[in-house]
Each structure stands twice: as C-alpha cells, then as structure tokens.
C-alpha cells in the first residue's frame, strides 16, 4: 500500500523537481549563467509563450491587411465586392441605354432619318385601337348612369365658349404625329431674315424650312439653351443643335462657320453660326432651320414670321 502511494507521488515530484541549467565558456569552462528549473516551470513558460504568440497572430490577422491573404476571408470579401459591382453595373447599363437612345434620337434628327410614314401610321392605328377598346369598356361600365345637364351648367358653358372665341393668347401647333404642343407662352427669336425657298413638309421628310440669305449673314439662336451638337456631315455640312427648355430643340444646317461649341450656353438672338452652302444637299447659300418638341418635328412657320 505504501509502495503504491510512493509510485503515485513520483510524477508530481518529477514536475516540481529542480534542475540546474548551467551555461559555461567552452574554452575556460567559466560559468556564465545558471538557471534552476523544473519541468513545471518549463511547461508554464512554453504555454505562456504559445498563448502570447497566438494572440499576437490573431491581432495581426484581424486588424491588419494580413487577413486578406487568408483564402476564406478573401472569398467572402470578393463575393461582397462582386455583388456590389453587379448592382453598379446594372445601374450603369440602364443609364447607358437611356443615353444611347437619346443620342440615337438626336442623330436621327440631325440626319433627317426620323422614321417612315408606315411606322408612324402603324403606331397611330395601334393607339386608335387601344383608345377605342378603352372607350367601349368605359361606356359599358357607365352606361346605366343617367346624367342631366342643369340650367346653370348650360349657362356657364355658353359663357366660357363665348369668351374663348376671342382669346388670342392661346395658340397650339400640331406636330407631324398629330400631337398638339402648347407653345403659346414661348417667344421665339427669328434665326434669320430672308426668303423662304422651301417649307415644312412631313411627307417628303423635309422637317424644317429653307431660308435663302446672302452669304456670311449671321444666324442667331431662336431661344436660350445649350449647344448639344456642333459638327460637320457630308449631306448637310456644318450643323449646330441647341437644346432649350420644355424639351424644345432647334437645328441649324448648311452653315459655313460654327461659332459655338458643344456645351456652350447661348441666349436668344445670340449669333451661333454664319450662312453658307456646305453639304452635298445644299443648292446655294441658305439656312435649313428645324424645330423639334419631344422628338417630334414642328413647323417653324407656325410660331414665327420669316
């Protein structure tokens, strides 16, 4: 029994048993350092050092860019960045599509290729069919409603109609597509005084008017706006396009010189170009002037006297 107890105490005694670690000079055997150690001391030192090293490594990984070198963290970070980039690319794609459509529309306007009559006629037919079906549905829904006009209502209608007969402040211009655009509050500046040699004709795709004038005459902006196009084409020569408020745009073609650049702000009546005869389609010094509203050509003669 006593032998068993002595054997069980041996491991514990070994842990606390002291050893002397001496460091001596190899040549003179002079003692430089001696340490009294036990196995427990060594294990404690090793454990403390291991914990300290692991803690330092964790701090470096968490609070320094070293964490990006880890495969797992890099995968999560790249996934998050990929999702964000996907959202950004979708937004940019939508914006690019809108800008491309806008620029394509401007190019068609400047080149005079706005579309043929068949496409416009088909659009009108589809619009008319939809409108008729909506009117039929509305009439079926409200056919049982009885509406009677009172005497006061009739008198009010008569009074308003009589006033509108002599109202000269309300003018409307009709576009080629049949859309009415109210421009009564817009005061246009005549871009060039001269002889009108060709008028607006949608059937022949002549979306403006031609004004003959002496060469080197000044061409002026019809409204305040921003120059969005200033370039040269083989067909119509030097062209300048100005974007105005209320989605109005004016185009000036066959110029000899352009005096404004893209992005310039102009005022109504400010000189923007000089009369010329540039372009293959020109037959002499003149200005081809176009007026557009929401992508539809307007007849400039309806709004100003040349």
C-alpha atoms as a PDB file:
ATOM      1  CA  UNK A   1       0.000   0.000   0.000  1.00  0.00           C
ATOM      2  CA  UNK A   2       2.797   2.389   0.895  1.00  0.00           C
ATOM      3  CA  UNK A   3       4.581   1.361  -2.266  1.00  0.00           C
ATOM      4  CA  UNK A   4       1.574   2.340  -4.370  1.00  0.00           C
ATOM      5  CA  UNK A   5       1.339   5.774  -2.764  1.00  0.00           C
ATOM      6  CA  UNK A   6       5.026   6.408  -3.364  1.00  0.00           C
ATOM      7  CA  UNK A   7       4.605   5.476  -7.037  1.00  0.00           C
ATOM      8  CA  UNK A   8       1.638   7.867  -7.434  1.00  0.00           C
ATOM      9  CA  UNK A   9       3.657  10.733  -5.980  1.00  0.00           C
ATOM     10  CA  UNK A  10       6.581  10.241  -8.372  1.00  0.00           C
ATOM     11  CA  UNK A  11       5.041  12.081 -11.379  1.00  0.00           C
ATOM     12  CA  UNK A  12       4.126  15.048  -9.188  1.00  0.00           C
ATOM     13  CA  UNK A  13       7.603  15.118  -7.702  1.00  0.00           C
ATOM     14  CA  UNK A  14       9.116  14.978 -11.174  1.00  0.00           C
ATOM     15  CA  UNK A  15       7.150  18.078 -12.172  1.00  0.00           C
ATOM     16  CA  UNK A  16       8.492  20.129  -9.286  1.00  0.00           C
ATOM     17  CA  UNK A  17      11.927  18.511  -9.114  1.00  0.00           C
ATOM     18  CA  UNK A  18      14.599  21.159  -9.575  1.00  0.00           C
ATOM     19  CA  UNK A  19      17.297  21.016 -12.215  1.00  0.00           C
ATOM     20  CA  UNK A  20      20.237  23.294 -12.727  1.00  0.00           C
ATOM     21  CA  UNK A  21      20.920  24.580 -16.234  1.00  0.00           C
ATOM     22  CA  UNK A  22      24.451  25.931 -16.497  1.00  0.00           C
ATOM     23  CA  UNK A  23      25.995  27.778 -19.403  1.00  0.00           C
ATOM     24  CA  UNK A  24      29.852  27.693 -19.433  1.00  0.00           C
ATOM     25  CA  UNK A  25      32.554  29.019 -21.686  1.00  0.00           C
ATOM     26  CA  UNK A  26      33.808  26.286 -23.994  1.00  0.00           C
ATOM     27  CA  UNK A  27      37.458  27.177 -23.609  1.00  0.00           C
ATOM     28  CA  UNK A  28      37.781  28.219 -19.973  1.00  0.00           C
ATOM     29  CA  UNK A  29      34.772  26.356 -18.585  1.00  0.00           C
ATOM     30  CA  UNK A  30      33.892  29.556 -16.799  1.00  0.00           C
ATOM     31  CA  UNK A  31      30.265  29.570 -15.688  1.00  0.00           C
ATOM     32  CA  UNK A  32      28.340  32.285 -17.481  1.00  0.00           C
ATOM     33  CA  UNK A  33      24.769  31.516 -16.418  1.00  0.00           C
ATOM     34  CA  UNK A  34      22.942  29.006 -14.303  1.00  0.00           C
ATOM     35  CA  UNK A  35      19.192  28.540 -14.010  1.00  0.00           C
ATOM     36  CA  UNK A  36      17.248  26.482 -11.511  1.00  0.00           C
ATOM     37  CA  UNK A  37      14.338  24.984 -13.440  1.00  0.00           C
ATOM     38  CA  UNK A  38      11.717  22.370 -13.026  1.00  0.00           C
ATOM     39  CA  UNK A  39       9.539  20.644 -15.568  1.00  0.00           C
ATOM     40  CA  UNK A  40       6.561  22.646 -14.329  1.00  0.00           C
ATOM     41  CA  UNK A  41       8.427  25.919 -14.915  1.00  0.00           C
ATOM     42  CA  UNK A  42       9.341  24.890 -18.460  1.00  0.00           C
ATOM     43  CA  UNK A  43       5.771  23.857 -19.292  1.00  0.00           C
ATOM     44  CA  UNK A  44       4.428  27.114 -17.864  1.00  0.00           C
ATOM     45  CA  UNK A  45       6.879  29.193 -19.893  1.00  0.00           C
ATOM     46  CA  UNK A  46       6.111  27.275 -23.085  1.00  0.00           C
ATOM     47  CA  UNK A  47       2.345  27.617 -22.536  1.00  0.00           C
ATOM     48  CA  UNK A  48       2.602  31.344 -21.842  1.00  0.00           C
ATOM     49  CA  UNK A  49       4.792  31.887 -24.905  1.00  0.00           C
ATOM     50  CA  UNK A  50       2.377  29.897 -27.096  1.00  0.00           C
ATOM     51  CA  UNK A  51      -0.631  31.897 -25.884  1.00  0.00           C
ATOM     52  CA  UNK A  52       1.236  35.167 -26.446  1.00  0.00           C
ATOM     53  CA  UNK A  53       2.273  34.187 -29.988  1.00  0.00           C
ATOM     54  CA  UNK A  54      -1.246  33.040 -30.904  1.00  0.00           C
ATOM     55  CA  UNK A  55      -2.745  36.255 -29.502  1.00  0.00           C
ATOM     56  CA  UNK A  56      -0.318  38.403 -31.468  1.00  0.00           C
ATOM     57  CA  UNK A  57      -1.078  36.465 -34.666  1.00  0.00           C
ATOM     58  CA  UNK A  58      -4.825  36.881 -34.172  1.00  0.00           C
ATOM     59  CA  UNK A  59      -4.441  40.619 -33.622  1.00  0.00           C
ATOM     60  CA  UNK A  60      -2.355  40.914 -36.773  1.00  0.00           C
ATOM     61  CA  UNK A  61      -4.921  38.966 -38.785  1.00  0.00           C
ATOM     62  CA  UNK A  62      -7.927  40.921 -37.501  1.00  0.00           C
ATOM     63  CA  UNK A  63      -6.558  44.471 -37.532  1.00  0.00           C
ATOM     64  CA  UNK A  64      -4.074  44.443 -40.431  1.00  0.00           C
ATOM     65  CA  UNK A  65      -4.328  43.741 -44.207  1.00  0.00           C
ATOM     66  CA  UNK A  66      -2.824  40.341 -43.484  1.00  0.00           C
ATOM     67  CA  UNK A  67      -6.362  38.947 -43.199  1.00  0.00           C
ATOM     68  CA  UNK A  68      -6.825  39.433 -46.959  1.00  0.00           C
ATOM     69  CA  UNK A  69      -4.217  36.733 -47.550  1.00  0.00           C
ATOM     70  CA  UNK A  70      -6.455  34.138 -45.989  1.00  0.00           C
ATOM     71  CA  UNK A  71      -8.426  32.152 -48.571  1.00  0.00           C
ATOM     72  CA  UNK A  72     -11.701  32.071 -46.661  1.00  0.00           C
ATOM     73  CA  UNK A  73     -11.784  35.779 -45.901  1.00  0.00           C
ATOM     74  CA  UNK A  74     -10.708  36.666 -49.418  1.00  0.00           C
ATOM     75  CA  UNK A  75     -13.571  34.603 -50.874  1.00  0.00           C
ATOM     76  CA  UNK A  76     -16.148  36.383 -48.700  1.00  0.00           C
ATOM     77  CA  UNK A  77     -14.677  39.798 -49.499  1.00  0.00           C
ATOM     78  CA  UNK A  78     -14.596  39.095 -53.218  1.00  0.00           C
ATOM     79  CA  UNK A  79     -18.181  37.845 -53.136  1.00  0.00           C
ATOM     80  CA  UNK A  80     -19.356  41.042 -51.450  1.00  0.00           C
ATOM     81  CA  UNK A  81     -17.433  43.170 -53.926  1.00  0.00           C
ATOM     82  CA  UNK A  82     -18.844  41.156 -56.831  1.00  0.00           C
ATOM     83  CA  UNK A  83     -22.406  41.756 -55.643  1.00  0.00           C
ATOM     84  CA  UNK A  84     -21.773  45.489 -55.254  1.00  0.00           C
ATOM     85  CA  UNK A  85     -20.125  45.637 -58.679  1.00  0.00           C
ATOM     86  CA  UNK A  86     -23.115  43.813 -60.172  1.00  0.00           C
ATOM     87  CA  UNK A  87     -25.535  46.400 -58.779  1.00  0.00           C
ATOM     88  CA  UNK A  88     -23.355  49.247 -60.035  1.00  0.00           C
ATOM     89  CA  UNK A  89     -23.004  47.680 -63.491  1.00  0.00           C
ATOM     90  CA  UNK A  90     -26.781  47.228 -63.758  1.00  0.00           C
ATOM     91  CA  UNK A  91     -27.343  50.882 -62.897  1.00  0.00           C
ATOM     92  CA  UNK A  92     -24.674  51.999 -65.353  1.00  0.00           C
ATOM     93  CA  UNK A  93     -26.139  49.765 -68.057  1.00  0.00           C
ATOM     94  CA  UNK A  94     -29.572  51.350 -67.620  1.00  0.00           C
ATOM     95  CA  UNK A  95     -28.111  54.852 -67.692  1.00  0.00           C
ATOM     96  CA  UNK A  96     -26.021  53.972 -70.763  1.00  0.00           C
ATOM     97  CA  UNK A  97     -29.095  52.607 -72.536  1.00  0.00           C
ATOM     98  CA  UNK A  98     -31.039  55.815 -71.866  1.00  0.00           C
ATOM     99  CA  UNK A  99     -28.120  57.961 -73.028  1.00  0.00           C
ATOM    100  CA  UNK A 100     -27.672  55.817 -76.156  1.00  0.00           C
ATOM    101  CA  UNK A 101     -31.340  56.120 -77.055  1.00  0.00           C
ATOM    102  CA  UNK A 102     -31.202  59.887 -76.504  1.00  0.00           C
ATOM    103  CA  UNK A 103     -28.091  60.276 -78.681  1.00  0.00           C
ATOM    104  CA  UNK A 104     -29.536  57.993 -81.365  1.00  0.00           C
ATOM    105  CA  UNK A 105     -32.660  60.129 -81.471  1.00  0.00           C
ATOM    106  CA  UNK A 106     -30.571  63.290 -81.844  1.00  0.00           C
ATOM    107  CA  UNK A 107     -28.544  61.669 -84.654  1.00  0.00           C
ATOM    108  CA  UNK A 108     -31.719  60.704 -86.492  1.00  0.00           C
ATOM    109  CA  UNK A 109     -32.992  64.250 -86.133  1.00  0.00           C
ATOM    110  CA  UNK A 110     -29.746  65.771 -87.403  1.00  0.00           C
ATOM    111  CA  UNK A 111     -29.518  63.353 -90.336  1.00  0.00           C
ATOM    112  CA  UNK A 112     -33.199  63.703 -91.195  1.00  0.00           C
ATOM    113  CA  UNK A 113     -33.964  59.989 -90.730  1.00  0.00           C
ATOM    114  CA  UNK A 114     -36.681  60.163 -88.105  1.00  0.00           C
ATOM    115  CA  UNK A 115     -38.686  57.225 -89.389  1.00  0.00           C
ATOM    116  CA  UNK A 116     -41.051  56.463 -92.229  1.00  0.00           C
ATOM    117  CA  UNK A 117     -44.759  57.064 -92.524  1.00  0.00           C
ATOM    118  CA  UNK A 118     -45.608  53.365 -92.285  1.00  0.00           C
ATOM    119  CA  UNK A 119     -44.144  53.128 -88.774  1.00  0.00           C
ATOM    120  CA  UNK A 120     -45.976  56.269 -87.709  1.00  0.00           C
ATOM    121  CA  UNK A 121     -49.197  55.049 -89.319  1.00  0.00           C
ATOM    122  CA  UNK A 122     -48.877  51.700 -87.544  1.00  0.00           C
ATOM    123  CA  UNK A 123     -48.333  53.499 -84.256  1.00  0.00           C
ATOM    124  CA  UNK A 124     -51.413  55.611 -84.844  1.00  0.00           C
ATOM    125  CA  UNK A 125     -53.511  52.541 -85.724  1.00  0.00           C
ATOM    126  CA  UNK A 126     -52.381  50.751 -82.569  1.00  0.00           C
ATOM    127  CA  UNK A 127     -53.098  53.841 -80.490  1.00  0.00           C
ATOM    128  CA  UNK A 128     -56.533  54.227 -82.084  1.00  0.00           C
ATOM    129  CA  UNK A 129     -57.391  50.557 -81.468  1.00  0.00           C
ATOM    130  CA  UNK A 130     -56.364  50.826 -77.829  1.00  0.00           C
ATOM    131  CA  UNK A 131     -58.314  54.045 -77.390  1.00  0.00           C
ATOM    132  CA  UNK A 132     -61.464  52.538 -78.964  1.00  0.00           C
ATOM    133  CA  UNK A 133     -61.290  49.463 -76.725  1.00  0.00           C
ATOM    134  CA  UNK A 134     -60.868  51.659 -73.636  1.00  0.00           C
ATOM    135  CA  UNK A 135     -63.826  53.817 -74.678  1.00  0.00           C
ATOM    136  CA  UNK A 136     -66.002  50.748 -75.239  1.00  0.00           C
ATOM    137  CA  UNK A 137     -65.095  49.352 -71.824  1.00  0.00           C
ATOM    138  CA  UNK A 138     -65.840  52.693 -70.194  1.00  0.00           C
ATOM    139  CA  UNK A 139     -69.182  53.008 -71.967  1.00  0.00           C
ATOM    140  CA  UNK A 140     -70.227  49.515 -70.881  1.00  0.00           C
ATOM    141  CA  UNK A 141     -69.226  50.258 -67.294  1.00  0.00           C
ATOM    142  CA  UNK A 142     -71.084  53.547 -67.037  1.00  0.00           C
ATOM    143  CA  UNK A 143     -73.975  53.027 -69.456  1.00  0.00           C
ATOM    144  CA  UNK A 144     -76.524  52.867 -66.639  1.00  0.00           C
ATOM    145  CA  UNK A 145     -75.557  56.256 -65.230  1.00  0.00           C
ATOM    146  CA  UNK A 146     -78.063  58.978 -66.031  1.00  0.00           C
ATOM    147  CA  UNK A 147     -76.604  62.467 -66.360  1.00  0.00           C
ATOM    148  CA  UNK A 148     -78.806  65.507 -66.701  1.00  0.00           C
ATOM    149  CA  UNK A 149     -77.457  68.958 -67.507  1.00  0.00           C
ATOM    150  CA  UNK A 150     -78.738  71.705 -65.269  1.00  0.00           C
ATOM    151  CA  UNK A 151     -79.720  75.164 -66.463  1.00  0.00           C
ATOM    152  CA  UNK A 152     -76.811  76.751 -64.563  1.00  0.00           C
ATOM    153  CA  UNK A 153     -74.348  74.374 -66.218  1.00  0.00           C
ATOM    154  CA  UNK A 154     -75.634  75.252 -69.683  1.00  0.00           C
ATOM    155  CA  UNK A 155     -75.308  78.976 -68.988  1.00  0.00           C
ATOM    156  CA  UNK A 156     -71.744  78.535 -67.699  1.00  0.00           C
ATOM    157  CA  UNK A 157     -70.716  76.526 -70.752  1.00  0.00           C
ATOM    158  CA  UNK A 158     -72.159  79.147 -73.101  1.00  0.00           C
ATOM    159  CA  UNK A 159     -70.317  81.935 -71.283  1.00  0.00           C
ATOM    160  CA  UNK A 160     -66.950  80.146 -71.382  1.00  0.00           C
ATOM    161  CA  UNK A 161     -67.298  79.207 -75.052  1.00  0.00           C
ATOM    162  CA  UNK A 162     -68.117  82.789 -75.995  1.00  0.00           C
ATOM    163  CA  UNK A 163     -65.030  84.048 -74.149  1.00  0.00           C
ATOM    164  CA  UNK A 164     -62.739  81.505 -75.808  1.00  0.00           C
ATOM    165  CA  UNK A 165     -63.809  82.617 -79.274  1.00  0.00           C
ATOM    166  CA  UNK A 166     -61.932  85.899 -78.849  1.00  0.00           C
ATOM    167  CA  UNK A 167     -58.979  84.558 -76.835  1.00  0.00           C
ATOM    168  CA  UNK A 168     -55.866  85.297 -78.922  1.00  0.00           C
ATOM    169  CA  UNK A 169     -53.317  84.244 -76.286  1.00  0.00           C
ATOM    170  CA  UNK A 170     -53.842  80.519 -76.683  1.00  0.00           C
ATOM    171  CA  UNK A 171     -52.168  79.019 -79.720  1.00  0.00           C
ATOM    172  CA  UNK A 172     -51.299  75.448 -80.428  1.00  0.00           C
ATOM    173  CA  UNK A 173     -49.073  73.861 -83.012  1.00  0.00           C
ATOM    174  CA  UNK A 174     -49.643  70.411 -84.414  1.00  0.00           C
ATOM    175  CA  UNK A 175     -46.701  68.078 -84.859  1.00  0.00           C
ATOM    176  CA  UNK A 176     -46.297  65.584 -87.681  1.00  0.00           C
ATOM    177  CA  UNK A 177     -47.597  62.803 -85.458  1.00  0.00           C
ATOM    178  CA  UNK A 178     -50.771  64.660 -84.590  1.00  0.00           C
ATOM    179  CA  UNK A 179     -49.628  65.598 -81.067  1.00  0.00           C
ATOM    180  CA  UNK A 180     -50.624  69.120 -80.047  1.00  0.00           C
ATOM    181  CA  UNK A 181     -47.896  71.120 -78.340  1.00  0.00           C
ATOM    182  CA  UNK A 182     -48.793  74.289 -76.469  1.00  0.00           C
ATOM    183  CA  UNK A 183     -46.114  76.881 -77.199  1.00  0.00           C
ATOM    184  CA  UNK A 184     -48.244  79.976 -76.666  1.00  0.00           C
ATOM    185  CA  UNK A 185     -46.039  81.158 -73.806  1.00  0.00           C
ATOM    186  CA  UNK A 186     -42.823  80.787 -75.846  1.00  0.00           C
ATOM    187  CA  UNK A 187     -41.448  83.829 -77.666  1.00  0.00           C
ATOM    188  CA  UNK A 188     -39.168  82.697 -80.497  1.00  0.00           C
ATOM    189  CA  UNK A 189     -36.377  84.824 -81.910  1.00  0.00           C
ATOM    190  CA  UNK A 190     -36.200  84.669 -85.713  1.00  0.00           C
ATOM    191  CA  UNK A 191     -32.848  82.997 -86.515  1.00  0.00           C
ATOM    192  CA  UNK A 192     -32.504  84.578 -89.974  1.00  0.00           C
ATOM    193  CA  UNK A 193     -34.427  87.082 -92.073  1.00  0.00           C
ATOM    194  CA  UNK A 194     -34.671  86.107 -95.715  1.00  0.00           C
ATOM    195  CA  UNK A 195     -36.675  84.451 -98.466  1.00  0.00           C
ATOM    196  CA  UNK A 196     -38.359  81.138 -97.609  1.00  0.00           C
ATOM    197  CA  UNK A 197     -37.495  78.844-100.524  1.00  0.00           C
ATOM    198  CA  UNK A 198     -38.857  75.566 -99.150  1.00  0.00           C
ATOM    199  CA  UNK A 199     -41.478  74.963 -96.472  1.00  0.00           C
ATOM    200  CA  UNK A 200     -42.084  72.249 -93.881  1.00  0.00           C
ATOM    201  CA  UNK A 201     -43.339  69.004 -95.465  1.00  0.00           C
ATOM    202  CA  UNK A 202     -43.605  65.843 -93.440  1.00  0.00           C
ATOM    203  CA  UNK A 203     -44.498  63.624 -96.409  1.00  0.00           C
ATOM    204  CA  UNK A 204     -41.242  64.409 -98.179  1.00  0.00           C
ATOM    205  CA  UNK A 205     -39.334  64.228 -94.865  1.00  0.00           C
ATOM    206  CA  UNK A 206     -38.437  67.901 -95.072  1.00  0.00           C
ATOM    207  CA  UNK A 207     -38.689  68.607 -91.335  1.00  0.00           C
ATOM    208  CA  UNK A 208     -37.842  72.295 -91.468  1.00  0.00           C
ATOM    209  CA  UNK A 209     -37.842  75.364 -93.671  1.00  0.00           C
ATOM    210  CA  UNK A 210     -35.161  76.729 -96.004  1.00  0.00           C
ATOM    211  CA  UNK A 211     -34.351  80.442 -95.790  1.00  0.00           C
ATOM    212  CA  UNK A 212     -32.234  81.960 -98.556  1.00  0.00           C
ATOM    213  CA  UNK A 213     -30.000  84.828 -97.494  1.00  0.00           C
ATOM    214  CA  UNK A 214     -26.735  86.454 -98.568  1.00  0.00           C
ATOM    215  CA  UNK A 215     -23.623  84.513 -97.711  1.00  0.00           C
ATOM    216  CA  UNK A 216     -21.887  85.332 -94.402  1.00  0.00           C
ATOM    217  CA  UNK A 217     -25.122  86.572 -92.791  1.00  0.00           C
ATOM    218  CA  UNK A 218     -25.342  85.928 -89.031  1.00  0.00           C
ATOM    219  CA  UNK A 219     -27.555  83.083 -87.792  1.00  0.00           C
ATOM    220  CA  UNK A 220     -28.986  83.600 -84.317  1.00  0.00           C
ATOM    221  CA  UNK A 221     -30.304  81.238 -81.638  1.00  0.00           C
ATOM    222  CA  UNK A 222     -34.088  81.161 -81.535  1.00  0.00           C
ATOM    223  CA  UNK A 223     -34.223  80.567 -77.729  1.00  0.00           C
ATOM    224  CA  UNK A 224     -31.957  80.348 -74.708  1.00  0.00           C
ATOM    225  CA  UNK A 225     -30.304  76.962 -74.461  1.00  0.00           C
ATOM    226  CA  UNK A 226     -27.220  74.765 -74.535  1.00  0.00           C
ATOM    227  CA  UNK A 227     -25.338  73.595 -77.618  1.00  0.00           C
ATOM    228  CA  UNK A 228     -25.565  69.796 -77.736  1.00  0.00           C
ATOM    229  CA  UNK A 229     -24.232  69.222 -81.263  1.00  0.00           C
ATOM    230  CA  UNK A 230     -21.731  71.132 -83.383  1.00  0.00           C
ATOM    231  CA  UNK A 231     -20.171  69.149 -86.202  1.00  0.00           C
ATOM    232  CA  UNK A 232     -19.980  68.536 -89.948  1.00  0.00           C
ATOM    233  CA  UNK A 233     -21.776  65.948 -92.101  1.00  0.00           C
ATOM    234  CA  UNK A 234     -21.339  65.242 -95.793  1.00  0.00           C
ATOM    235  CA  UNK A 235     -25.031  65.786 -96.576  1.00  0.00           C
ATOM    236  CA  UNK A 236     -25.877  68.912 -94.588  1.00  0.00           C
ATOM    237  CA  UNK A 237     -22.446  70.430 -93.948  1.00  0.00           C
ATOM    238  CA  UNK A 238     -21.837  72.281 -90.711  1.00  0.00           C
ATOM    239  CA  UNK A 239     -24.685  71.684 -88.221  1.00  0.00           C
ATOM    240  CA  UNK A 240     -25.364  73.130 -84.807  1.00  0.00           C
ATOM    241  CA  UNK A 241     -28.086  71.875 -82.476  1.00  0.00           C
ATOM    242  CA  UNK A 242     -29.338  73.703 -79.383  1.00  0.00           C
ATOM    243  CA  UNK A 243     -31.367  72.153 -76.549  1.00  0.00           C
ATOM    244  CA  UNK A 244     -33.924  74.521 -74.995  1.00  0.00           C
ATOM    245  CA  UNK A 245     -36.313  74.337 -72.061  1.00  0.00           C
ATOM    246  CA  UNK A 246     -39.581  72.376 -72.245  1.00  0.00           C
ATOM    247  CA  UNK A 247     -37.903  69.679 -74.395  1.00  0.00           C
ATOM    248  CA  UNK A 248     -37.593  72.022 -77.382  1.00  0.00           C
ATOM    249  CA  UNK A 249     -34.618  71.702 -79.721  1.00  0.00           C
ATOM    250  CA  UNK A 250     -33.577  73.810 -82.713  1.00  0.00           C
ATOM    251  CA  UNK A 251     -31.330  72.655 -85.575  1.00  0.00           C
ATOM    252  CA  UNK A 252     -29.360  74.900 -87.964  1.00  0.00           C
ATOM    253  CA  UNK A 253     -27.865  73.264 -91.103  1.00  0.00           C
ATOM    254  CA  UNK A 254     -25.689  74.160 -94.147  1.00  0.00           C
ATOM    255  CA  UNK A 255     -23.655  76.766 -92.226  1.00  0.00           C
ATOM    256  CA  UNK A 256     -20.281  77.967 -93.440  1.00  0.00           C
ATOM    257  CA  UNK A 257     -18.857  78.553 -89.959  1.00  0.00           C
ATOM    258  CA  UNK A 258     -19.909  77.422 -86.475  1.00  0.00           C
ATOM    259  CA  UNK A 259     -19.275  79.995 -83.768  1.00  0.00           C
ATOM    260  CA  UNK A 260     -20.231  77.848 -80.763  1.00  0.00           C
ATOM    261  CA  UNK A 261     -19.018  74.541 -79.359  1.00  0.00           C
ATOM    262  CA  UNK A 262     -20.770  71.694 -77.590  1.00  0.00           C
ATOM    263  CA  UNK A 263     -21.602  72.701 -74.027  1.00  0.00           C
ATOM    264  CA  UNK A 264     -21.738  76.461 -74.671  1.00  0.00           C
ATOM    265  CA  UNK A 265     -24.679  78.350 -73.161  1.00  0.00           C
ATOM    266  CA  UNK A 266     -26.410  80.682 -75.611  1.00  0.00           C
ATOM    267  CA  UNK A 267     -29.047  83.389 -75.304  1.00  0.00           C
ATOM    268  CA  UNK A 268     -31.934  84.050 -77.664  1.00  0.00           C
ATOM    269  CA  UNK A 269     -30.678  86.248 -80.504  1.00  0.00           C
ATOM    270  CA  UNK A 270     -27.023  85.359 -79.922  1.00  0.00           C
ATOM    271  CA  UNK A 271     -25.059  84.617 -83.107  1.00  0.00           C
ATOM    272  CA  UNK A 272     -24.222  80.910 -83.322  1.00  0.00           C
ATOM    273  CA  UNK A 273     -23.256  80.392 -86.985  1.00  0.00           C
ATOM    274  CA  UNK A 274     -22.796  82.029 -90.392  1.00  0.00           C
ATOM    275  CA  UNK A 275     -24.899  81.423 -93.514  1.00  0.00           C
ATOM    276  CA  UNK A 276     -23.216  79.170 -96.048  1.00  0.00           C
ATOM    277  CA  UNK A 277     -23.782  76.446 -98.615  1.00  0.00           C
ATOM    278  CA  UNK A 278     -21.966  73.499 -97.078  1.00  0.00           C
ATOM    279  CA  UNK A 279     -23.041  69.906 -97.635  1.00  0.00           C
ATOM    280  CA  UNK A 280     -23.980  67.812-100.666  1.00  0.00           C
ATOM    281  CA  UNK A 281     -27.704  68.650-100.355  1.00  0.00           C
ATOM    282  CA  UNK A 282     -27.192  72.415-100.469  1.00  0.00           C
ATOM    283  CA  UNK A 283     -28.094  74.315-103.664  1.00  0.00           C
ATOM    284  CA  UNK A 284     -26.924  77.742-102.551  1.00  0.00           C
ATOM    285  CA  UNK A 285     -26.405  79.970 -99.528  1.00  0.00           C
ATOM    286  CA  UNK A 286     -29.309  79.331 -97.196  1.00  0.00           C
ATOM    287  CA  UNK A 287     -30.284  78.114 -93.725  1.00  0.00           C
ATOM    288  CA  UNK A 288     -32.197  74.910 -93.134  1.00  0.00           C
ATOM    289  CA  UNK A 289     -33.939  75.517 -89.803  1.00  0.00           C
ATOM    290  CA  UNK A 290     -35.733  72.804 -87.815  1.00  0.00           C
ATOM    291  CA  UNK A 291     -37.736  72.961 -84.592  1.00  0.00           C
ATOM    292  CA  UNK A 292     -38.426  69.844 -82.512  1.00  0.00           C
ATOM    293  CA  UNK A 293     -40.517  69.116 -79.439  1.00  0.00           C
ATOM    294  CA  UNK A 294     -40.218  65.815 -77.530  1.00  0.00           C
ATOM    295  CA  UNK A 295     -38.748  64.119 -80.598  1.00  0.00           C
ATOM    296  CA  UNK A 296     -41.483  65.402 -82.956  1.00  0.00           C
ATOM    297  CA  UNK A 297     -40.805  67.929 -85.738  1.00  0.00           C
ATOM    298  CA  UNK A 298     -42.704  71.216 -85.613  1.00  0.00           C
ATOM    299  CA  UNK A 299     -43.393  73.628 -88.438  1.00  0.00           C
ATOM    300  CA  UNK A 300     -41.381  76.754 -87.546  1.00  0.00           C
ATOM    301  CA  UNK A 301     -43.671  78.894 -89.705  1.00  0.00           C
ATOM    302  CA  UNK A 302     -46.469  78.323 -87.177  1.00  0.00           C
ATOM    303  CA  UNK A 303     -44.540  80.166 -84.464  1.00  0.00           C
ATOM    304  CA  UNK A 304     -42.548  82.905 -86.217  1.00  0.00           C
ATOM    305  CA  UNK A 305     -42.642  85.055 -89.346  1.00  0.00           C
ATOM    306  CA  UNK A 306     -39.555  84.852 -91.547  1.00  0.00           C
END
